[in-house]
Amino acid sequence: MHNPKTQPYTKTLKEIMRRKSEILSKAQAFWEIGMTETAQLLWLSAATYEEHIAPMLDALGRELEGALHRISAASCYEKAGDLSRAVNLYRAALSGPLREDTRQEVENMLGACLAALNRRSIHLSAPWG
């Protein structure tokens, strides 16, 4: 059912979403062929777009969609190796409206990201690291 507070996408938002989708597609393609450094730069770019899209959706009364874009941003940051930003965005997404099954998935993603961040911290603090 249509939420009466929900507003349609703006022309600007549609264009930003189109650009982000192109970047995500390129990142995935470069990742799959093993060009990880190029892919990581594209994941970072896509994450930045997603971070801008989320509050724009919130402003249109589309908070659930905004939360999903925060999850996407977190995932992109995680793939790019920026685990701290990924953790922050997973937590931001969890603070908003989510379906229960999605919430559980995001909690699992957050847990895995925190574990990876912890492993990285331990490795960096080791005397041989």
Protein backbone atom coordinates (compact mmCIF):
# COMPACT_ATOMS: atom_id res chain seq x y z
CA MET A 1 0.00 0.00 0.00
CA HIS A 2 1.21 3.52 -0.80
CA ASN A 3 2.35 5.57 2.19
CA PRO A 4 0.70 9.01 1.92
CA LYS A 5 3.86 10.65 3.34
CA THR A 6 6.04 9.09 0.64
CA GLN A 7 7.05 11.42 -2.13
CA PRO A 8 8.20 10.40 -5.63
CA TYR A 9 11.88 10.32 -6.54
CA THR A 10 13.27 13.63 -7.70
CA LYS A 11 15.00 13.95 -11.06
CA THR A 12 18.30 14.56 -9.24
CA LEU A 13 17.88 11.47 -7.08
CA LYS A 14 17.11 9.33 -10.13
CA GLU A 15 20.28 10.57 -11.82
CA ILE A 16 22.42 9.93 -8.73
CA MET A 17 20.96 6.43 -8.43
CA ARG A 18 21.67 5.76 -12.11
CA ARG A 19 25.31 6.81 -11.73
CA LYS A 20 25.70 4.72 -8.58
CA SER A 21 24.29 1.66 -10.36
CA GLU A 22 26.81 2.07 -13.19
CA ILE A 23 29.67 2.30 -10.69
CA LEU A 24 28.45 -0.75 -8.77
CA SER A 25 28.27 -2.76 -12.00
CA LYS A 26 31.81 -1.76 -12.92
CA ALA A 27 33.10 -2.55 -9.43
CA GLN A 28 31.57 -6.02 -9.57
CA ALA A 29 32.99 -6.65 -13.06
CA PHE A 30 36.52 -5.58 -12.08
CA TRP A 31 36.27 -7.63 -8.87
CA GLU A 32 35.26 -10.73 -10.81
CA ILE A 33 38.20 -10.49 -13.23
CA GLY A 34 40.68 -10.00 -10.39
CA MET A 35 41.37 -6.28 -10.79
CA THR A 36 40.86 -5.76 -7.07
CA GLU A 37 42.61 -2.39 -6.71
CA THR A 38 40.43 -0.85 -9.41
CA ALA A 39 37.37 -2.53 -7.93
CA GLN A 40 38.17 -1.17 -4.48
CA LEU A 41 38.29 2.40 -5.79
CA LEU A 42 34.93 1.84 -7.46
CA TRP A 43 33.46 0.30 -4.27
CA LEU A 44 34.52 3.47 -2.42
CA SER A 45 32.88 5.65 -5.03
CA ALA A 46 29.67 3.62 -4.94
CA ALA A 47 29.64 3.78 -1.13
CA THR A 48 29.86 7.57 -1.25
CA TYR A 49 26.92 7.70 -3.63
CA GLU A 50 24.92 5.37 -1.39
CA GLU A 51 25.67 7.57 1.63
CA HIS A 52 24.26 10.56 -0.24
CA ILE A 53 21.22 8.67 -1.53
CA ALA A 54 20.09 7.37 1.89
CA PRO A 55 19.22 10.72 3.52
CA MET A 56 17.66 11.95 0.27
CA LEU A 57 15.29 8.99 0.47
CA ASP A 58 14.64 9.70 4.15
CA ALA A 59 13.64 13.26 3.21
CA LEU A 60 11.10 11.82 0.75
CA GLY A 61 9.54 9.69 3.47
CA ARG A 62 11.24 6.55 2.16
CA GLU A 63 13.10 5.58 5.34
CA LEU A 64 13.08 1.85 4.62
CA GLU A 65 14.72 2.46 1.25
CA GLY A 66 17.18 4.81 2.94
CA ALA A 67 18.14 2.05 5.37
CA LEU A 68 18.73 -0.34 2.46
CA HIS A 69 21.07 2.16 0.81
CA ARG A 70 22.98 2.48 4.09
CA ILE A 71 23.38 -1.30 4.07
CA SER A 72 24.63 -1.12 0.50
CA ALA A 73 27.08 1.66 1.43
CA ALA A 74 28.34 -0.42 4.35
CA SER A 75 28.82 -3.44 2.11
CA CYS A 76 30.73 -1.36 -0.44
CA TYR A 77 33.00 0.07 2.27
CA GLU A 78 33.57 -3.42 3.59
CA LYS A 79 34.57 -4.68 0.12
CA ALA A 80 36.90 -1.69 -0.23
CA GLY A 81 38.53 -2.52 3.10
CA ASP A 82 37.19 0.44 5.09
CA LEU A 83 35.79 -1.66 7.91
CA SER A 84 35.27 1.19 10.39
CA ARG A 85 32.96 3.04 8.03
CA ALA A 86 31.18 -0.20 7.21
CA VAL A 87 30.52 -0.84 10.92
CA ASN A 88 29.16 2.68 11.39
CA LEU A 89 26.78 2.32 8.46
CA TYR A 90 25.58 -1.14 9.45
CA ARG A 91 24.77 0.31 12.87
CA ALA A 92 23.03 3.31 11.28
CA ALA A 93 20.91 0.96 9.16
CA LEU A 94 19.98 -1.07 12.23
CA SER A 95 18.74 2.07 13.97
CA GLY A 96 16.16 2.59 11.23
CA PRO A 97 13.16 0.67 9.97
CA LEU A 98 13.97 -2.79 8.61
CA ARG A 99 12.06 -5.99 8.02
CA GLU A 100 12.91 -8.53 10.71
CA ASP A 101 14.69 -10.92 8.32
CA THR A 102 16.73 -8.03 6.90
CA ARG A 103 17.56 -6.86 10.42
CA GLN A 104 18.92 -10.33 11.26
CA GLU A 105 21.04 -10.36 8.08
CA VAL A 106 22.46 -6.92 8.86
CA GLU A 107 23.25 -7.97 12.44
CA ASN A 108 25.16 -10.94 10.99
CA MET A 109 26.97 -8.67 8.52
CA LEU A 110 27.85 -6.29 11.35
CA GLY A 111 29.16 -9.16 13.47
CA ALA A 112 31.36 -10.43 10.64
CA CYS A 113 32.65 -6.94 9.95
CA LEU A 114 33.46 -6.35 13.63
CA ALA A 115 35.29 -9.68 13.77
CA ALA A 116 37.33 -8.73 10.69
CA LEU A 117 38.10 -5.34 12.20
CA ASN A 118 39.22 -7.03 15.42
CA ARG A 119 41.45 -9.46 13.51
CA ARG A 120 43.00 -6.55 11.62
CA SER A 121 43.59 -4.64 14.87
CA ILE A 122 45.25 -7.64 16.49
CA HIS A 123 47.45 -8.17 13.43
CA LEU A 124 48.48 -4.51 13.32
CA SER A 125 49.33 -4.44 17.02
CA ALA A 126 51.40 -7.63 16.89
CA PRO A 127 55.16 -6.99 17.21
CA TRP A 128 55.76 -8.78 13.90
CA GLY A 129 52.85 -6.90 12.11
